[in-house]
Amino acid sequence: MTQFEILTNYIPKLEGNHFGKWVVDTENDGSSERPIHMPYVDYSAIIYNFVHDFYQFENENNDLKLNYYQNILNENNIDWRSESMITADVSDLNAQAILALIMGVIRADRFSEGTLLEFFQNGCMVKWLMQLQLLDDIGD
């Protein structure tokens, strides 16, 4: 088993997959009897499984210090903002920095729901996982 296999095994599972959808309450009118529910993302099982496995990987690899993902991103001249993360050139990043990108997105989703969905839909997550797989293949 390669170092990142628990994560890179998701690459074929994510290709063209339905990642989730926004659920917006259009049935209630906002009255006290029928309050409108806040919109939320209903993620697919594959995304929940990925996040679970990512945290398992992070727990088993404390030496990567992924809890300090913001510092790692800063050291690699990447801001913890969507635009900066989307446009980051991962071909020059080491595994820790790529994993920090993934951790950053997962954590950002806690503050700004839908961030995780955006990064799966725009292909960044698969691109990052493919770079991890490449690093695994060359033995980073």
C-alpha atoms as a PDB file:
ATOM      1  CA  MET A   1       0.000   0.000   0.000  1.00  0.00           C
ATOM      2  CA  THR A   2       1.351   3.428  -0.938  1.00  0.00           C
ATOM      3  CA  GLN A   3       1.372   6.339   1.495  1.00  0.00           C
ATOM      4  CA  PHE A   4      -1.645   8.171   0.040  1.00  0.00           C
ATOM      5  CA  GLU A   5      -3.595   5.203  -1.305  1.00  0.00           C
ATOM      6  CA  ILE A   6      -6.465   5.610   1.178  1.00  0.00           C
ATOM      7  CA  LEU A   7      -7.072   8.994  -0.511  1.00  0.00           C
ATOM      8  CA  THR A   8      -6.007   8.376  -4.100  1.00  0.00           C
ATOM      9  CA  ASN A   9      -8.317   5.354  -4.321  1.00  0.00           C
ATOM     10  CA  TYR A  10     -11.095   7.942  -4.549  1.00  0.00           C
ATOM     11  CA  ILE A  11      -9.922   9.281  -7.926  1.00  0.00           C
ATOM     12  CA  PRO A  12     -11.950   6.855 -10.079  1.00  0.00           C
ATOM     13  CA  LYS A  13     -14.879   7.069  -7.664  1.00  0.00           C
ATOM     14  CA  LEU A  14     -15.010  10.860  -8.024  1.00  0.00           C
ATOM     15  CA  GLU A  15     -14.836  11.074 -11.808  1.00  0.00           C
ATOM     16  CA  GLY A  16     -18.227  12.371 -12.941  1.00  0.00           C
ATOM     17  CA  ASN A  17     -19.781  11.565  -9.589  1.00  0.00           C
ATOM     18  CA  HIS A  18     -22.734  13.410  -8.139  1.00  0.00           C
ATOM     19  CA  PHE A  19     -21.081  15.133  -5.184  1.00  0.00           C
ATOM     20  CA  GLY A  20     -24.131  16.626  -3.536  1.00  0.00           C
ATOM     21  CA  LYS A  21     -26.695  19.340  -3.953  1.00  0.00           C
ATOM     22  CA  TRP A  22     -28.003  22.384  -2.215  1.00  0.00           C
ATOM     23  CA  VAL A  23     -31.304  21.814  -0.436  1.00  0.00           C
ATOM     24  CA  VAL A  24     -33.420  24.949  -0.311  1.00  0.00           C
ATOM     25  CA  ASP A  25     -36.734  25.073   1.518  1.00  0.00           C
ATOM     26  CA  THR A  26     -39.363  26.179  -0.994  1.00  0.00           C
ATOM     27  CA  GLU A  27     -42.313  24.606   0.814  1.00  0.00           C
ATOM     28  CA  ASN A  28     -42.556  26.704   3.971  1.00  0.00           C
ATOM     29  CA  ASP A  29     -43.759  30.300   4.086  1.00  0.00           C
ATOM     30  CA  GLY A  30     -41.725  31.654   7.024  1.00  0.00           C
ATOM     31  CA  SER A  31     -44.626  31.820   9.453  1.00  0.00           C
ATOM     32  CA  SER A  32     -44.210  30.586  13.026  1.00  0.00           C
ATOM     33  CA  GLU A  33     -46.175  27.470  12.083  1.00  0.00           C
ATOM     34  CA  ARG A  34     -44.076  26.829   8.969  1.00  0.00           C
ATOM     35  CA  PRO A  35     -40.622  28.381   9.439  1.00  0.00           C
ATOM     36  CA  ILE A  36     -38.259  28.359   6.496  1.00  0.00           C
ATOM     37  CA  HIS A  37     -35.327  26.009   6.972  1.00  0.00           C
ATOM     38  CA  MET A  38     -31.846  27.306   6.213  1.00  0.00           C
ATOM     39  CA  PRO A  39     -30.337  26.031   2.961  1.00  0.00           C
ATOM     40  CA  TYR A  40     -27.727  23.293   3.342  1.00  0.00           C
ATOM     41  CA  VAL A  41     -25.660  20.950   1.210  1.00  0.00           C
ATOM     42  CA  ASP A  42     -26.718  17.327   1.116  1.00  0.00           C
ATOM     43  CA  TYR A  43     -23.402  15.637   0.269  1.00  0.00           C
ATOM     44  CA  SER A  44     -23.308  12.246  -1.401  1.00  0.00           C
ATOM     45  CA  ALA A  45     -22.050   9.241   0.534  1.00  0.00           C
ATOM     46  CA  ILE A  46     -18.778   9.256  -1.414  1.00  0.00           C
ATOM     47  CA  ILE A  47     -17.968  12.743  -0.097  1.00  0.00           C
ATOM     48  CA  TYR A  48     -18.787  11.817   3.505  1.00  0.00           C
ATOM     49  CA  ASN A  49     -16.598   8.723   3.113  1.00  0.00           C
ATOM     50  CA  PHE A  50     -13.764  10.773   1.640  1.00  0.00           C
ATOM     51  CA  VAL A  51     -13.844  13.268   4.515  1.00  0.00           C
ATOM     52  CA  HIS A  52     -13.914  10.410   7.025  1.00  0.00           C
ATOM     53  CA  ASP A  53     -10.933   8.720   5.362  1.00  0.00           C
ATOM     54  CA  PHE A  54      -9.070  12.023   5.115  1.00  0.00           C
ATOM     55  CA  TYR A  55      -9.407  12.572   8.865  1.00  0.00           C
ATOM     56  CA  GLN A  56      -8.348   8.971   9.472  1.00  0.00           C
ATOM     57  CA  PHE A  57      -5.278   9.584   7.290  1.00  0.00           C
ATOM     58  CA  GLU A  58      -4.539  12.815   9.153  1.00  0.00           C
ATOM     59  CA  ASN A  59      -4.796  11.052  12.535  1.00  0.00           C
ATOM     60  CA  GLU A  60      -2.420   8.313  11.392  1.00  0.00           C
ATOM     61  CA  ASN A  61       0.084  10.815   9.967  1.00  0.00           C
ATOM     62  CA  ASN A  62       0.563  13.376  12.732  1.00  0.00           C
ATOM     63  CA  ASP A  63       4.086  14.031  11.463  1.00  0.00           C
ATOM     64  CA  LEU A  64       2.571  15.962   8.529  1.00  0.00           C
ATOM     65  CA  LYS A  65       1.136  18.509  10.996  1.00  0.00           C
ATOM     66  CA  LEU A  66      -1.995  19.072   8.901  1.00  0.00           C
ATOM     67  CA  ASN A  67      -3.689  20.825  11.826  1.00  0.00           C
ATOM     68  CA  TYR A  68      -1.401  23.712  10.869  1.00  0.00           C
ATOM     69  CA  TYR A  69      -2.770  23.782   7.329  1.00  0.00           C
ATOM     70  CA  GLN A  70      -2.975  27.596   7.253  1.00  0.00           C
ATOM     71  CA  ASN A  71       0.712  27.914   8.142  1.00  0.00           C
ATOM     72  CA  ILE A  72       1.620  25.291   5.552  1.00  0.00           C
ATOM     73  CA  LEU A  73      -0.378  27.127   2.904  1.00  0.00           C
ATOM     74  CA  ASN A  74       1.219  30.454   3.860  1.00  0.00           C
ATOM     75  CA  GLU A  75       4.696  28.912   3.640  1.00  0.00           C
ATOM     76  CA  ASN A  76       3.801  27.895   0.085  1.00  0.00           C
ATOM     77  CA  ASN A  77       2.460  31.362  -0.817  1.00  0.00           C
ATOM     78  CA  ILE A  78      -1.151  30.181  -0.893  1.00  0.00           C
ATOM     79  CA  ASP A  79      -3.843  32.183   0.894  1.00  0.00           C
ATOM     80  CA  TRP A  80      -6.690  30.394   2.633  1.00  0.00           C
ATOM     81  CA  ARG A  81      -9.127  31.821   0.068  1.00  0.00           C
ATOM     82  CA  SER A  82     -10.911  29.983  -2.707  1.00  0.00           C
ATOM     83  CA  GLU A  83      -9.283  31.877  -5.577  1.00  0.00           C
ATOM     84  CA  SER A  84      -5.757  31.354  -4.263  1.00  0.00           C
ATOM     85  CA  MET A  85      -6.383  27.682  -3.568  1.00  0.00           C
ATOM     86  CA  ILE A  86      -8.044  27.062  -6.934  1.00  0.00           C
ATOM     87  CA  THR A  87      -5.202  28.662  -8.871  1.00  0.00           C
ATOM     88  CA  ALA A  88      -2.378  27.081  -6.851  1.00  0.00           C
ATOM     89  CA  ASP A  89       0.161  25.289  -9.062  1.00  0.00           C
ATOM     90  CA  VAL A  90       0.294  21.917  -7.353  1.00  0.00           C
ATOM     91  CA  SER A  91       2.983  20.604  -9.688  1.00  0.00           C
ATOM     92  CA  ASP A  92       5.547  22.454  -7.551  1.00  0.00           C
ATOM     93  CA  LEU A  93       4.082  21.490  -4.164  1.00  0.00           C
ATOM     94  CA  ASN A  94       5.126  18.695  -1.858  1.00  0.00           C
ATOM     95  CA  ALA A  95       2.627  16.233  -0.410  1.00  0.00           C
ATOM     96  CA  GLN A  96       2.216  18.135   2.842  1.00  0.00           C
ATOM     97  CA  ALA A  97       1.171  21.293   0.968  1.00  0.00           C
ATOM     98  CA  ILE A  98      -1.319  19.404  -1.206  1.00  0.00           C
ATOM     99  CA  LEU A  99      -2.788  17.735   1.865  1.00  0.00           C
ATOM    100  CA  ALA A 100      -2.988  21.172   3.515  1.00  0.00           C
ATOM    101  CA  LEU A 101      -5.063  22.370   0.550  1.00  0.00           C
ATOM    102  CA  ILE A 102      -7.483  19.491   1.071  1.00  0.00           C
ATOM    103  CA  MET A 103      -7.610  20.085   4.823  1.00  0.00           C
ATOM    104  CA  GLY A 104      -8.178  23.789   4.194  1.00  0.00           C
ATOM    105  CA  VAL A 105     -11.184  23.080   2.010  1.00  0.00           C
ATOM    106  CA  ILE A 106     -12.657  20.587   4.460  1.00  0.00           C
ATOM    107  CA  ARG A 107     -12.260  23.046   7.331  1.00  0.00           C
ATOM    108  CA  ALA A 108     -13.519  25.987   5.253  1.00  0.00           C
ATOM    109  CA  ASP A 109     -16.745  24.085   4.652  1.00  0.00           C
ATOM    110  CA  ARG A 110     -17.446  24.274   8.377  1.00  0.00           C
ATOM    111  CA  PHE A 111     -17.462  28.077   8.171  1.00  0.00           C
ATOM    112  CA  SER A 112     -18.847  28.490   4.672  1.00  0.00           C
ATOM    113  CA  GLU A 113     -21.085  25.600   3.762  1.00  0.00           C
ATOM    114  CA  GLY A 114     -20.767  24.568   0.149  1.00  0.00           C
ATOM    115  CA  THR A 115     -17.017  25.179  -0.111  1.00  0.00           C
ATOM    116  CA  LEU A 116     -16.322  21.450  -0.220  1.00  0.00           C
ATOM    117  CA  LEU A 117     -18.956  20.985  -2.918  1.00  0.00           C
ATOM    118  CA  GLU A 118     -17.389  23.776  -4.988  1.00  0.00           C
ATOM    119  CA  PHE A 119     -13.922  22.202  -4.886  1.00  0.00           C
ATOM    120  CA  PHE A 120     -15.238  18.803  -5.895  1.00  0.00           C
ATOM    121  CA  GLN A 121     -17.354  20.272  -8.689  1.00  0.00           C
ATOM    122  CA  ASN A 122     -14.583  22.462 -10.115  1.00  0.00           C
ATOM    123  CA  GLY A 123     -12.192  19.491 -10.256  1.00  0.00           C
ATOM    124  CA  CYS A 124      -9.598  20.784  -7.784  1.00  0.00           C
ATOM    125  CA  MET A 125      -9.957  17.852  -5.401  1.00  0.00           C
ATOM    126  CA  VAL A 126      -9.391  15.291  -8.147  1.00  0.00           C
ATOM    127  CA  LYS A 127      -6.465  17.345  -9.502  1.00  0.00           C
ATOM    128  CA  TRP A 128      -4.893  17.431  -6.044  1.00  0.00           C
ATOM    129  CA  LEU A 129      -5.457  13.708  -5.502  1.00  0.00           C
ATOM    130  CA  MET A 130      -3.898  12.974  -8.879  1.00  0.00           C
ATOM    131  CA  GLN A 131      -0.820  14.982  -7.858  1.00  0.00           C
ATOM    132  CA  LEU A 132      -0.629  12.990  -4.612  1.00  0.00           C
ATOM    133  CA  GLN A 133      -0.799   9.803  -6.659  1.00  0.00           C
ATOM    134  CA  LEU A 134       2.030  11.088  -8.864  1.00  0.00           C
ATOM    135  CA  LEU A 135       4.113  11.877  -5.769  1.00  0.00           C
ATOM    136  CA  ASP A 136       3.377   8.374  -4.452  1.00  0.00           C
ATOM    137  CA  ASP A 137       4.498   6.873  -7.766  1.00  0.00           C
ATOM    138  CA  ILE A 138       7.813   8.754  -7.746  1.00  0.00           C
ATOM    139  CA  GLY A 139       8.319   8.165  -4.030  1.00  0.00           C
ATOM    140  CA  ASP A 140       8.009  11.636  -2.445  1.00  0.00           C
END
